[in-house]
Amino acid sequence: MDHLSDWIPDHQHPVKLHGDLWGGNWLPGKDGRPYFIDPAVWYGDHEFELAFTHLFGGFSKRVYDAYQEIKNIEVSFEDRKPLYQLYYLLVHLNIFEESYGSSVDRILSKYAK
């Protein structure tokens, strides 16, 4: 926590997030358009949710290209992505126990000084 500002830019503005955005939480409608389901809505940095989309398989390149058109994904996001994924991994560690422990340890060792 003492070094969090080294990794997270302080210019971020909170936006509404789905909160549980992964490949299993969308359904195609009759018109073929995607509809997101099972929201856990909260406000936070848009990169937080973007990092979560990569955690469990991700979405197609087309989705990320469209995202890039709407909201610029900074190159430095790749350096922050595991840190943003830590919250979700800790939740899964709590629910599903040690199967997520090595992922949590890997991220903590990367960012802890």
N, C-alpha and C. Protein backbone atom coordinates (compact mmCIF):
# COMPACT_ATOMS: atom_id res chain seq x y z
N MET A 1 0.82 -1.19 0.00
CA MET A 1 0.00 0.00 0.00
C MET A 1 0.86 1.26 0.00
N ASP A 2 2.03 1.18 0.64
CA ASP A 2 2.90 2.35 0.70
C ASP A 2 3.39 2.77 -0.68
N HIS A 3 3.43 1.84 -1.63
CA HIS A 3 3.97 2.12 -2.95
C HIS A 3 2.91 2.06 -4.06
N LEU A 4 1.65 2.03 -3.68
CA LEU A 4 0.58 1.91 -4.66
C LEU A 4 0.62 3.05 -5.68
N SER A 5 0.96 4.24 -5.23
CA SER A 5 1.00 5.39 -6.14
C SER A 5 2.13 5.26 -7.18
N ASP A 6 3.08 4.37 -6.93
CA ASP A 6 4.12 4.12 -7.94
C ASP A 6 3.54 3.41 -9.17
N TRP A 7 2.44 2.70 -8.98
CA TRP A 7 1.87 1.88 -10.04
C TRP A 7 0.57 2.44 -10.61
N ILE A 8 -0.25 3.03 -9.74
CA ILE A 8 -1.57 3.49 -10.17
C ILE A 8 -1.53 5.00 -10.39
N PRO A 9 -1.82 5.45 -11.61
CA PRO A 9 -1.82 6.89 -11.87
C PRO A 9 -2.91 7.59 -11.06
N ASP A 10 -2.64 8.79 -10.63
CA ASP A 10 -3.63 9.50 -9.84
C ASP A 10 -4.53 10.38 -10.70
N HIS A 11 -4.47 10.22 -12.01
CA HIS A 11 -5.32 11.00 -12.90
C HIS A 11 -6.60 10.26 -13.31
N GLN A 12 -6.86 9.13 -12.69
CA GLN A 12 -8.02 8.35 -13.06
C GLN A 12 -9.29 8.96 -12.48
N HIS A 13 -10.38 8.83 -13.25
CA HIS A 13 -11.69 9.30 -12.81
C HIS A 13 -12.63 8.10 -12.76
N PRO A 14 -13.32 7.92 -11.64
CA PRO A 14 -14.21 6.76 -11.52
C PRO A 14 -15.30 6.75 -12.57
N VAL A 15 -15.59 5.56 -13.07
CA VAL A 15 -16.68 5.33 -14.02
C VAL A 15 -17.51 4.15 -13.51
N LYS A 16 -18.73 4.01 -14.02
CA LYS A 16 -19.57 2.88 -13.63
C LYS A 16 -19.00 1.62 -14.28
N LEU A 17 -18.83 0.59 -13.48
CA LEU A 17 -18.27 -0.68 -13.93
C LEU A 17 -19.30 -1.79 -13.78
N HIS A 18 -19.21 -2.77 -14.65
CA HIS A 18 -20.07 -3.95 -14.55
C HIS A 18 -19.73 -4.70 -13.26
N GLY A 19 -18.45 -4.85 -12.99
CA GLY A 19 -18.00 -5.45 -11.75
C GLY A 19 -17.74 -6.94 -11.80
N ASP A 20 -18.30 -7.62 -12.78
CA ASP A 20 -18.09 -9.07 -12.92
C ASP A 20 -18.07 -9.40 -14.40
N LEU A 21 -17.24 -8.67 -15.13
CA LEU A 21 -17.24 -8.74 -16.59
C LEU A 21 -16.25 -9.78 -17.08
N TRP A 22 -16.78 -10.93 -17.40
CA TRP A 22 -15.98 -12.01 -17.97
C TRP A 22 -16.83 -12.70 -19.04
N GLY A 23 -16.23 -13.61 -19.76
CA GLY A 23 -16.90 -14.23 -20.89
C GLY A 23 -18.19 -14.96 -20.58
N GLY A 24 -18.40 -15.35 -19.35
CA GLY A 24 -19.63 -16.06 -18.98
C GLY A 24 -20.77 -15.15 -18.60
N ASN A 25 -20.54 -13.86 -18.57
CA ASN A 25 -21.59 -12.93 -18.14
C ASN A 25 -22.13 -12.06 -19.27
N TRP A 26 -22.33 -12.68 -20.41
CA TRP A 26 -23.03 -12.02 -21.50
C TRP A 26 -23.81 -13.07 -22.28
N LEU A 27 -24.86 -12.63 -22.90
CA LEU A 27 -25.70 -13.50 -23.72
C LEU A 27 -26.00 -12.80 -25.03
N PRO A 28 -26.08 -13.56 -26.12
CA PRO A 28 -26.50 -12.92 -27.37
C PRO A 28 -28.02 -12.79 -27.39
N GLY A 29 -28.49 -11.63 -27.81
CA GLY A 29 -29.93 -11.42 -27.95
C GLY A 29 -30.43 -12.02 -29.26
N LYS A 30 -31.73 -11.98 -29.48
CA LYS A 30 -32.31 -12.50 -30.72
C LYS A 30 -31.77 -11.78 -31.94
N ASP A 31 -31.39 -10.52 -31.74
CA ASP A 31 -30.85 -9.72 -32.85
C ASP A 31 -29.34 -9.93 -33.02
N GLY A 32 -28.74 -10.80 -32.19
CA GLY A 32 -27.31 -11.07 -32.27
C GLY A 32 -26.46 -10.10 -31.46
N ARG A 33 -27.06 -9.07 -30.93
CA ARG A 33 -26.31 -8.11 -30.12
C ARG A 33 -25.99 -8.72 -28.75
N PRO A 34 -24.82 -8.40 -28.20
CA PRO A 34 -24.48 -8.93 -26.87
C PRO A 34 -25.16 -8.14 -25.76
N TYR A 35 -25.59 -8.86 -24.74
CA TYR A 35 -26.19 -8.25 -23.55
C TYR A 35 -25.43 -8.75 -22.33
N PHE A 36 -24.99 -7.83 -21.51
CA PHE A 36 -24.28 -8.20 -20.29
C PHE A 36 -25.29 -8.58 -19.21
N ILE A 37 -24.94 -9.60 -18.44
CA ILE A 37 -25.80 -10.08 -17.36
C ILE A 37 -24.99 -10.12 -16.06
N ASP A 38 -25.69 -10.36 -14.96
CA ASP A 38 -25.09 -10.59 -13.65
C ASP A 38 -24.16 -9.45 -13.21
N PRO A 39 -24.64 -8.22 -13.27
CA PRO A 39 -23.76 -7.11 -12.88
C PRO A 39 -23.53 -7.05 -11.37
N ALA A 40 -22.38 -6.59 -11.02
CA ALA A 40 -22.03 -6.27 -9.63
C ALA A 40 -21.54 -4.82 -9.67
N VAL A 41 -22.45 -3.93 -9.98
CA VAL A 41 -22.14 -2.55 -10.33
C VAL A 41 -21.44 -1.81 -9.19
N TRP A 42 -20.39 -1.09 -9.58
CA TRP A 42 -19.68 -0.20 -8.66
C TRP A 42 -18.93 0.82 -9.50
N TYR A 43 -18.31 1.77 -8.84
CA TYR A 43 -17.54 2.80 -9.53
C TYR A 43 -16.06 2.60 -9.26
N GLY A 44 -15.25 2.77 -10.31
CA GLY A 44 -13.81 2.62 -10.15
C GLY A 44 -13.11 3.00 -11.45
N ASP A 45 -11.83 2.73 -11.49
CA ASP A 45 -10.99 2.99 -12.64
C ASP A 45 -11.38 2.02 -13.76
N HIS A 46 -11.57 2.52 -14.97
CA HIS A 46 -11.97 1.65 -16.08
C HIS A 46 -10.96 0.53 -16.31
N GLU A 47 -9.70 0.75 -15.95
CA GLU A 47 -8.69 -0.29 -16.14
C GLU A 47 -8.92 -1.48 -15.21
N PHE A 48 -9.57 -1.25 -14.09
CA PHE A 48 -9.87 -2.32 -13.14
C PHE A 48 -10.70 -3.40 -13.83
N GLU A 49 -11.76 -2.95 -14.49
CA GLU A 49 -12.64 -3.90 -15.17
C GLU A 49 -11.97 -4.50 -16.40
N LEU A 50 -11.22 -3.68 -17.11
CA LEU A 50 -10.51 -4.17 -18.28
C LEU A 50 -9.55 -5.29 -17.88
N ALA A 51 -8.87 -5.13 -16.75
CA ALA A 51 -7.96 -6.17 -16.26
C ALA A 51 -8.72 -7.46 -15.96
N PHE A 52 -9.92 -7.32 -15.39
CA PHE A 52 -10.72 -8.50 -15.07
C PHE A 52 -11.11 -9.26 -16.33
N THR A 53 -11.38 -8.55 -17.42
CA THR A 53 -11.77 -9.25 -18.64
C THR A 53 -10.67 -10.17 -19.14
N HIS A 54 -9.43 -9.87 -18.81
CA HIS A 54 -8.30 -10.70 -19.23
C HIS A 54 -8.04 -11.87 -18.28
N LEU A 55 -8.60 -11.82 -17.10
CA LEU A 55 -8.26 -12.80 -16.07
C LEU A 55 -8.76 -14.21 -16.38
N PHE A 56 -9.95 -14.34 -16.91
CA PHE A 56 -10.55 -15.66 -17.14
C PHE A 56 -10.88 -15.86 -18.61
N GLY A 57 -9.89 -15.73 -19.46
CA GLY A 57 -10.06 -16.04 -20.87
C GLY A 57 -10.22 -14.86 -21.79
N GLY A 58 -10.71 -13.75 -21.29
CA GLY A 58 -10.82 -12.56 -22.12
C GLY A 58 -11.94 -12.62 -23.13
N PHE A 59 -11.93 -11.63 -24.00
CA PHE A 59 -12.90 -11.50 -25.07
C PHE A 59 -12.15 -11.49 -26.40
N SER A 60 -12.87 -11.36 -27.48
CA SER A 60 -12.24 -11.37 -28.80
C SER A 60 -11.46 -10.07 -29.03
N LYS A 61 -10.57 -10.12 -29.99
CA LYS A 61 -9.80 -8.93 -30.37
C LYS A 61 -10.73 -7.81 -30.79
N ARG A 62 -11.82 -8.14 -31.41
CA ARG A 62 -12.80 -7.14 -31.84
C ARG A 62 -13.34 -6.33 -30.66
N VAL A 63 -13.58 -7.00 -29.54
CA VAL A 63 -14.07 -6.30 -28.33
C VAL A 63 -13.02 -5.31 -27.85
N TYR A 64 -11.77 -5.75 -27.77
CA TYR A 64 -10.72 -4.86 -27.27
C TYR A 64 -10.42 -3.73 -28.25
N ASP A 65 -10.54 -3.99 -29.54
CA ASP A 65 -10.37 -2.92 -30.53
C ASP A 65 -11.46 -1.87 -30.37
N ALA A 66 -12.70 -2.31 -30.16
CA ALA A 66 -13.81 -1.37 -29.95
C ALA A 66 -13.62 -0.60 -28.66
N TYR A 67 -13.14 -1.27 -27.63
CA TYR A 67 -12.86 -0.60 -26.35
C TYR A 67 -11.82 0.50 -26.57
N GLN A 68 -10.78 0.18 -27.31
CA GLN A 68 -9.71 1.14 -27.59
C GLN A 68 -10.24 2.37 -28.31
N GLU A 69 -11.22 2.20 -29.17
CA GLU A 69 -11.80 3.33 -29.89
C GLU A 69 -12.54 4.27 -28.95
N ILE A 70 -13.15 3.72 -27.91
CA ILE A 70 -13.94 4.52 -26.98
C ILE A 70 -13.08 5.10 -25.86
N LYS A 71 -12.22 4.29 -25.32
CA LYS A 71 -11.40 4.69 -24.18
C LYS A 71 -9.98 4.21 -24.43
N ASN A 72 -9.06 5.12 -24.54
CA ASN A 72 -7.67 4.78 -24.82
C ASN A 72 -7.10 3.84 -23.76
N ILE A 73 -6.53 2.76 -24.21
CA ILE A 73 -5.84 1.84 -23.31
C ILE A 73 -4.36 2.19 -23.38
N GLU A 74 -3.84 2.74 -22.30
CA GLU A 74 -2.44 3.15 -22.26
C GLU A 74 -1.53 1.94 -22.32
N VAL A 75 -0.38 2.10 -22.94
CA VAL A 75 0.61 1.02 -23.01
C VAL A 75 0.99 0.57 -21.60
N SER A 76 1.06 1.51 -20.66
CA SER A 76 1.45 1.19 -19.28
C SER A 76 0.41 0.36 -18.54
N PHE A 77 -0.78 0.18 -19.13
CA PHE A 77 -1.80 -0.67 -18.52
C PHE A 77 -1.28 -2.07 -18.28
N GLU A 78 -0.48 -2.59 -19.20
CA GLU A 78 0.05 -3.95 -19.04
C GLU A 78 0.86 -4.09 -17.76
N ASP A 79 1.52 -3.02 -17.33
CA ASP A 79 2.29 -3.06 -16.08
C ASP A 79 1.37 -3.07 -14.86
N ARG A 80 0.20 -2.46 -14.98
CA ARG A 80 -0.75 -2.37 -13.87
C ARG A 80 -1.75 -3.52 -13.84
N LYS A 81 -1.93 -4.18 -14.96
CA LYS A 81 -3.00 -5.17 -15.08
C LYS A 81 -2.98 -6.21 -13.95
N PRO A 82 -1.86 -6.84 -13.63
CA PRO A 82 -1.89 -7.83 -12.54
C PRO A 82 -2.31 -7.22 -11.19
N LEU A 83 -1.93 -5.99 -10.96
CA LEU A 83 -2.30 -5.33 -9.71
C LEU A 83 -3.82 -5.15 -9.63
N TYR A 84 -4.43 -4.77 -10.73
CA TYR A 84 -5.89 -4.65 -10.76
C TYR A 84 -6.56 -6.02 -10.66
N GLN A 85 -5.93 -7.07 -11.13
CA GLN A 85 -6.50 -8.41 -11.05
C GLN A 85 -6.42 -8.99 -9.64
N LEU A 86 -5.57 -8.42 -8.82
CA LEU A 86 -5.36 -8.95 -7.47
C LEU A 86 -6.65 -9.01 -6.66
N TYR A 87 -7.46 -7.98 -6.73
CA TYR A 87 -8.72 -7.97 -5.97
C TYR A 87 -9.56 -9.19 -6.31
N TYR A 88 -9.76 -9.42 -7.61
CA TYR A 88 -10.59 -10.54 -8.04
C TYR A 88 -9.98 -11.88 -7.65
N LEU A 89 -8.67 -11.97 -7.72
CA LEU A 89 -8.00 -13.22 -7.31
C LEU A 89 -8.14 -13.45 -5.81
N LEU A 90 -8.09 -12.38 -5.02
CA LEU A 90 -8.28 -12.52 -3.57
C LEU A 90 -9.71 -12.97 -3.26
N VAL A 91 -10.68 -12.45 -3.98
CA VAL A 91 -12.07 -12.90 -3.80
C VAL A 91 -12.17 -14.39 -4.12
N HIS A 92 -11.56 -14.80 -5.24
CA HIS A 92 -11.61 -16.22 -5.61
C HIS A 92 -10.82 -17.09 -4.63
N LEU A 93 -9.74 -16.57 -4.12
CA LEU A 93 -8.97 -17.31 -3.10
C LEU A 93 -9.84 -17.54 -1.87
N ASN A 94 -10.59 -16.53 -1.48
CA ASN A 94 -11.47 -16.64 -0.32
C ASN A 94 -12.59 -17.66 -0.55
N ILE A 95 -13.14 -17.68 -1.74
CA ILE A 95 -14.26 -18.57 -2.04
C ILE A 95 -13.80 -19.99 -2.38
N PHE A 96 -12.78 -20.09 -3.24
CA PHE A 96 -12.38 -21.38 -3.78
C PHE A 96 -11.09 -21.92 -3.17
N GLU A 97 -10.56 -21.19 -2.23
CA GLU A 97 -9.38 -21.56 -1.46
C GLU A 97 -8.11 -21.61 -2.31
N GLU A 98 -7.20 -22.45 -1.97
CA GLU A 98 -5.80 -22.34 -2.39
C GLU A 98 -5.54 -22.47 -3.89
N SER A 99 -6.51 -22.86 -4.67
CA SER A 99 -6.26 -22.99 -6.11
C SER A 99 -5.87 -21.65 -6.74
N TYR A 100 -6.18 -20.54 -6.09
CA TYR A 100 -5.79 -19.22 -6.58
C TYR A 100 -4.60 -18.64 -5.83
N GLY A 101 -4.08 -19.38 -4.87
CA GLY A 101 -2.98 -18.89 -4.03
C GLY A 101 -1.72 -18.55 -4.78
N SER A 102 -1.32 -19.37 -5.72
CA SER A 102 -0.08 -19.10 -6.45
C SER A 102 -0.18 -17.84 -7.30
N SER A 103 -1.36 -17.58 -7.86
CA SER A 103 -1.55 -16.35 -8.63
C SER A 103 -1.46 -15.12 -7.74
N VAL A 104 -2.06 -15.20 -6.57
CA VAL A 104 -1.98 -14.10 -5.60
C VAL A 104 -0.53 -13.88 -5.19
N ASP A 105 0.17 -14.95 -4.87
CA ASP A 105 1.58 -14.84 -4.47
C ASP A 105 2.44 -14.21 -5.56
N ARG A 106 2.20 -14.61 -6.80
CA ARG A 106 2.98 -14.08 -7.92
C ARG A 106 2.79 -12.57 -8.05
N ILE A 107 1.56 -12.12 -7.93
CA ILE A 107 1.30 -10.68 -8.05
C ILE A 107 1.88 -9.93 -6.87
N LEU A 108 1.68 -10.46 -5.68
CA LEU A 108 2.23 -9.78 -4.49
C LEU A 108 3.74 -9.66 -4.55
N SER A 109 4.40 -10.69 -5.05
CA SER A 109 5.86 -10.63 -5.11
C SER A 109 6.33 -9.62 -6.17
N LYS A 110 5.51 -9.41 -7.19
CA LYS A 110 5.88 -8.44 -8.22
C LYS A 110 5.80 -7.00 -7.72
N TYR A 111 4.77 -6.69 -6.93
CA TYR A 111 4.53 -5.31 -6.53
C TYR A 111 5.01 -4.95 -5.13
N ALA A 112 5.21 -5.94 -4.28
CA ALA A 112 5.69 -5.66 -2.92
C ALA A 112 7.17 -5.33 -2.95
N LYS A 113 7.52 -4.30 -2.26
CA LYS A 113 8.94 -3.89 -2.23
C LYS A 113 9.54 -4.17 -0.88
